[in-house]
Amino acid sequence: MQIPKSSIEISQTDVNSALYLAALQTIRINRINQWEKTVHKLAVDTTTEVLEIPVTQHDDQIYVVTHVVAVNDTKAVNGIRLYSVKSGQKHILNQDKPSAAAISVGWDGELITSTGQKFRAEFWNNDANNILRMTVSGYWVPK
């Protein structure tokens, strides 16, 4: 039985190029760098309070967000909503009404960021001097 010849032939140069690209990907995977940013503030009164964390992009790096969390350390609030904000548009990541103080609302996943992107947490029904916190974390790899 004869195996039909494909119209595409793979040369040694093609194989070498594939091996080179695979080696680059391995290097990239082994060079994952973790990062984390946290902001906090005291609530002013019962209005909605907002915390934002911009993601600073560098031309030679790709940033990936894997975790966003927000918490009111002082009391249970009526709600916390987490957003990814890109080009002025808000995209809801998660929202919840914590049952008690210091219960966080979080999001886990993988989101590749772009220039100008930021993450936002909105807290409803705060009291003055409530301690509000937000953390965004993930990793970056060289391009």
C-alpha atoms as a PDB file:
ATOM      1  CA  MET A   1       0.000   0.000   0.000  1.00  0.00           C
ATOM      2  CA  GLN A   2       1.360   3.334  -1.001  1.00  0.00           C
ATOM      3  CA  ILE A   3       0.893   6.418   1.226  1.00  0.00           C
ATOM      4  CA  PRO A   4      -0.271   9.353  -0.863  1.00  0.00           C
ATOM      5  CA  LYS A   5       2.153  12.215  -0.973  1.00  0.00           C
ATOM      6  CA  SER A   6       0.911  15.454   0.537  1.00  0.00           C
ATOM      7  CA  SER A   7       0.996  18.650  -1.445  1.00  0.00           C
ATOM      8  CA  ILE A   8       2.834  20.215   1.510  1.00  0.00           C
ATOM      9  CA  GLU A   9       6.302  18.988   2.275  1.00  0.00           C
ATOM     10  CA  ILE A  10       8.064  19.722   5.534  1.00  0.00           C
ATOM     11  CA  SER A  11      11.719  20.577   5.209  1.00  0.00           C
ATOM     12  CA  GLN A  12      14.427  20.447   7.855  1.00  0.00           C
ATOM     13  CA  THR A  13      14.281  24.247   7.956  1.00  0.00           C
ATOM     14  CA  ASP A  14      10.593  24.045   8.927  1.00  0.00           C
ATOM     15  CA  VAL A  15      11.409  21.554  11.667  1.00  0.00           C
ATOM     16  CA  ASN A  16      14.217  23.777  12.995  1.00  0.00           C
ATOM     17  CA  SER A  17      11.905  26.793  13.020  1.00  0.00           C
ATOM     18  CA  ALA A  18       9.249  24.856  14.963  1.00  0.00           C
ATOM     19  CA  LEU A  19      11.847  23.690  17.494  1.00  0.00           C
ATOM     20  CA  TYR A  20      13.092  27.268  17.904  1.00  0.00           C
ATOM     21  CA  LEU A  21       9.543  28.578  18.515  1.00  0.00           C
ATOM     22  CA  ALA A  22       8.863  25.791  21.028  1.00  0.00           C
ATOM     23  CA  ALA A  23      12.056  26.706  22.894  1.00  0.00           C
ATOM     24  CA  LEU A  24      10.990  30.369  22.992  1.00  0.00           C
ATOM     25  CA  GLN A  25       7.599  29.397  24.432  1.00  0.00           C
ATOM     26  CA  THR A  26       9.310  27.310  27.118  1.00  0.00           C
ATOM     27  CA  ILE A  27      11.522  30.257  28.040  1.00  0.00           C
ATOM     28  CA  ARG A  28       8.475  32.521  28.155  1.00  0.00           C
ATOM     29  CA  ILE A  29       6.594  30.108  30.440  1.00  0.00           C
ATOM     30  CA  ASN A  30       9.598  29.854  32.749  1.00  0.00           C
ATOM     31  CA  ARG A  31       9.789  33.656  32.981  1.00  0.00           C
ATOM     32  CA  ILE A  32       6.370  34.356  34.511  1.00  0.00           C
ATOM     33  CA  ASN A  33       6.613  37.242  36.963  1.00  0.00           C
ATOM     34  CA  GLN A  34       3.932  37.779  39.598  1.00  0.00           C
ATOM     35  CA  TRP A  35       2.594  41.247  40.438  1.00  0.00           C
ATOM     36  CA  GLU A  36       0.004  42.688  42.807  1.00  0.00           C
ATOM     37  CA  LYS A  37      -1.460  46.129  43.535  1.00  0.00           C
ATOM     38  CA  THR A  38      -3.601  47.087  46.532  1.00  0.00           C
ATOM     39  CA  VAL A  39      -5.433  50.343  47.273  1.00  0.00           C
ATOM     40  CA  HIS A  40      -7.476  51.336  50.292  1.00  0.00           C
ATOM     41  CA  LYS A  41      -9.375  54.353  51.576  1.00  0.00           C
ATOM     42  CA  LEU A  42     -11.727  55.498  54.304  1.00  0.00           C
ATOM     43  CA  ALA A  43     -15.328  55.932  53.205  1.00  0.00           C
ATOM     44  CA  VAL A  44     -16.636  59.485  53.481  1.00  0.00           C
ATOM     45  CA  ASP A  45     -20.330  58.783  54.109  1.00  0.00           C
ATOM     46  CA  THR A  46     -23.237  56.666  52.869  1.00  0.00           C
ATOM     47  CA  THR A  47     -22.648  57.414  49.194  1.00  0.00           C
ATOM     48  CA  THR A  48     -21.240  54.893  46.755  1.00  0.00           C
ATOM     49  CA  GLU A  49     -17.462  54.745  47.094  1.00  0.00           C
ATOM     50  CA  VAL A  50     -15.168  53.780  44.221  1.00  0.00           C
ATOM     51  CA  LEU A  51     -11.654  52.326  44.188  1.00  0.00           C
ATOM     52  CA  GLU A  52      -9.695  51.957  40.940  1.00  0.00           C
ATOM     53  CA  ILE A  53      -6.424  50.279  40.023  1.00  0.00           C
ATOM     54  CA  PRO A  54      -4.941  51.051  36.596  1.00  0.00           C
ATOM     55  CA  VAL A  55      -2.745  48.430  34.941  1.00  0.00           C
ATOM     56  CA  THR A  56       0.490  49.988  33.722  1.00  0.00           C
ATOM     57  CA  GLN A  57       1.484  48.417  30.428  1.00  0.00           C
ATOM     58  CA  HIS A  58       5.041  48.245  29.156  1.00  0.00           C
ATOM     59  CA  ASP A  59       5.806  47.706  25.465  1.00  0.00           C
ATOM     60  CA  ASP A  60       7.915  44.629  26.143  1.00  0.00           C
ATOM     61  CA  GLN A  61       5.529  42.889  28.571  1.00  0.00           C
ATOM     62  CA  ILE A  62       2.132  41.179  28.492  1.00  0.00           C
ATOM     63  CA  TYR A  63       0.079  41.578  31.700  1.00  0.00           C
ATOM     64  CA  VAL A  64      -2.517  38.998  32.725  1.00  0.00           C
ATOM     65  CA  VAL A  65      -4.914  39.611  35.631  1.00  0.00           C
ATOM     66  CA  THR A  66      -5.870  36.448  37.532  1.00  0.00           C
ATOM     67  CA  HIS A  67      -7.517  37.779  40.708  1.00  0.00           C
ATOM     68  CA  VAL A  68      -9.558  40.841  41.717  1.00  0.00           C
ATOM     69  CA  VAL A  69     -10.955  41.216  45.247  1.00  0.00           C
ATOM     70  CA  ALA A  70     -12.655  43.979  47.243  1.00  0.00           C
ATOM     71  CA  VAL A  71     -13.705  44.129  50.895  1.00  0.00           C
ATOM     72  CA  ASN A  72     -15.183  46.509  53.463  1.00  0.00           C
ATOM     73  CA  ASP A  73     -13.233  45.703  56.632  1.00  0.00           C
ATOM     74  CA  THR A  74     -15.613  47.583  58.919  1.00  0.00           C
ATOM     75  CA  LYS A  75     -19.194  46.510  58.129  1.00  0.00           C
ATOM     76  CA  ALA A  76     -21.359  44.540  55.755  1.00  0.00           C
ATOM     77  CA  VAL A  77     -22.395  46.775  52.878  1.00  0.00           C
ATOM     78  CA  ASN A  78     -25.402  46.547  50.569  1.00  0.00           C
ATOM     79  CA  GLY A  79     -23.177  45.459  47.743  1.00  0.00           C
ATOM     80  CA  ILE A  80     -19.788  45.372  46.093  1.00  0.00           C
ATOM     81  CA  ARG A  81     -19.427  45.261  42.318  1.00  0.00           C
ATOM     82  CA  LEU A  82     -16.155  44.536  40.484  1.00  0.00           C
ATOM     83  CA  TYR A  83     -15.472  45.843  36.968  1.00  0.00           C
ATOM     84  CA  SER A  84     -12.881  45.697  34.251  1.00  0.00           C
ATOM     85  CA  VAL A  85     -12.850  49.109  32.558  1.00  0.00           C
ATOM     86  CA  LYS A  86     -11.520  49.195  29.003  1.00  0.00           C
ATOM     87  CA  SER A  87     -11.846  52.125  26.579  1.00  0.00           C
ATOM     88  CA  GLY A  88     -14.346  53.761  28.940  1.00  0.00           C
ATOM     89  CA  GLN A  89     -16.665  50.727  28.974  1.00  0.00           C
ATOM     90  CA  LYS A  90     -17.335  48.918  32.254  1.00  0.00           C
ATOM     91  CA  HIS A  91     -17.567  45.123  32.151  1.00  0.00           C
ATOM     92  CA  ILE A  92     -18.900  43.481  35.312  1.00  0.00           C
ATOM     93  CA  LEU A  93     -16.628  40.764  36.688  1.00  0.00           C
ATOM     94  CA  ASN A  94     -18.661  39.946  39.813  1.00  0.00           C
ATOM     95  CA  GLN A  95     -21.076  41.447  42.318  1.00  0.00           C
ATOM     96  CA  ASP A  96     -22.403  40.314  45.666  1.00  0.00           C
ATOM     97  CA  LYS A  97     -23.861  41.474  48.973  1.00  0.00           C
ATOM     98  CA  PRO A  98     -21.450  40.327  51.708  1.00  0.00           C
ATOM     99  CA  SER A  99     -23.181  38.837  54.753  1.00  0.00           C
ATOM    100  CA  ALA A 100     -20.780  40.399  57.260  1.00  0.00           C
ATOM    101  CA  ALA A 101     -17.809  42.732  57.614  1.00  0.00           C
ATOM    102  CA  ALA A 102     -14.506  41.534  56.160  1.00  0.00           C
ATOM    103  CA  ILE A 103     -16.238  39.156  53.705  1.00  0.00           C
ATOM    104  CA  SER A 104     -14.669  39.778  50.317  1.00  0.00           C
ATOM    105  CA  VAL A 105     -16.144  39.753  46.837  1.00  0.00           C
ATOM    106  CA  GLY A 106     -13.721  38.316  44.316  1.00  0.00           C
ATOM    107  CA  TRP A 107     -13.142  37.262  40.748  1.00  0.00           C
ATOM    108  CA  ASP A 108     -10.707  34.603  39.507  1.00  0.00           C
ATOM    109  CA  GLY A 109      -9.798  33.921  35.904  1.00  0.00           C
ATOM    110  CA  GLU A 110      -7.327  35.029  33.252  1.00  0.00           C
ATOM    111  CA  LEU A 111      -7.732  38.361  31.528  1.00  0.00           C
ATOM    112  CA  ILE A 112      -5.039  39.714  29.204  1.00  0.00           C
ATOM    113  CA  THR A 113      -4.921  43.475  29.716  1.00  0.00           C
ATOM    114  CA  SER A 114      -4.374  46.302  27.262  1.00  0.00           C
ATOM    115  CA  THR A 115      -3.080  49.853  27.483  1.00  0.00           C
ATOM    116  CA  GLY A 116      -5.333  52.110  29.550  1.00  0.00           C
ATOM    117  CA  GLN A 117      -7.250  49.272  31.190  1.00  0.00           C
ATOM    118  CA  LYS A 118      -8.161  49.533  34.861  1.00  0.00           C
ATOM    119  CA  PHE A 119     -10.092  47.615  37.465  1.00  0.00           C
ATOM    120  CA  ARG A 120     -12.800  49.176  39.604  1.00  0.00           C
ATOM    121  CA  ALA A 121     -14.719  48.287  42.759  1.00  0.00           C
ATOM    122  CA  GLU A 122     -17.921  50.069  43.804  1.00  0.00           C
ATOM    123  CA  PHE A 123     -19.096  49.848  47.421  1.00  0.00           C
ATOM    124  CA  TRP A 124     -22.735  50.751  48.304  1.00  0.00           C
ATOM    125  CA  ASN A 125     -24.171  51.885  51.639  1.00  0.00           C
ATOM    126  CA  ASN A 126     -20.982  52.633  53.544  1.00  0.00           C
ATOM    127  CA  ASP A 127     -20.661  54.495  56.814  1.00  0.00           C
ATOM    128  CA  ALA A 128     -18.126  57.250  57.369  1.00  0.00           C
ATOM    129  CA  ASN A 129     -14.659  55.877  58.166  1.00  0.00           C
ATOM    130  CA  ASN A 130     -15.339  52.378  56.822  1.00  0.00           C
ATOM    131  CA  ILE A 131     -12.068  50.866  55.604  1.00  0.00           C
ATOM    132  CA  LEU A 132     -12.391  49.834  51.940  1.00  0.00           C
ATOM    133  CA  ARG A 133      -9.745  47.730  50.180  1.00  0.00           C
ATOM    134  CA  MET A 134      -9.197  46.387  46.681  1.00  0.00           C
ATOM    135  CA  THR A 135      -6.437  44.144  45.313  1.00  0.00           C
ATOM    136  CA  VAL A 136      -5.640  43.158  41.731  1.00  0.00           C
ATOM    137  CA  SER A 137      -3.019  40.511  41.035  1.00  0.00           C
ATOM    138  CA  GLY A 138      -1.693  38.406  38.221  1.00  0.00           C
ATOM    139  CA  TYR A 139       1.470  37.882  36.228  1.00  0.00           C
ATOM    140  CA  TRP A 140       3.391  39.330  33.327  1.00  0.00           C
ATOM    141  CA  VAL A 141       5.587  37.710  30.695  1.00  0.00           C
ATOM    142  CA  PRO A 142       8.059  39.239  28.258  1.00  0.00           C
ATOM    143  CA  LYS A 143       6.819  39.655  24.686  1.00  0.00           C
END
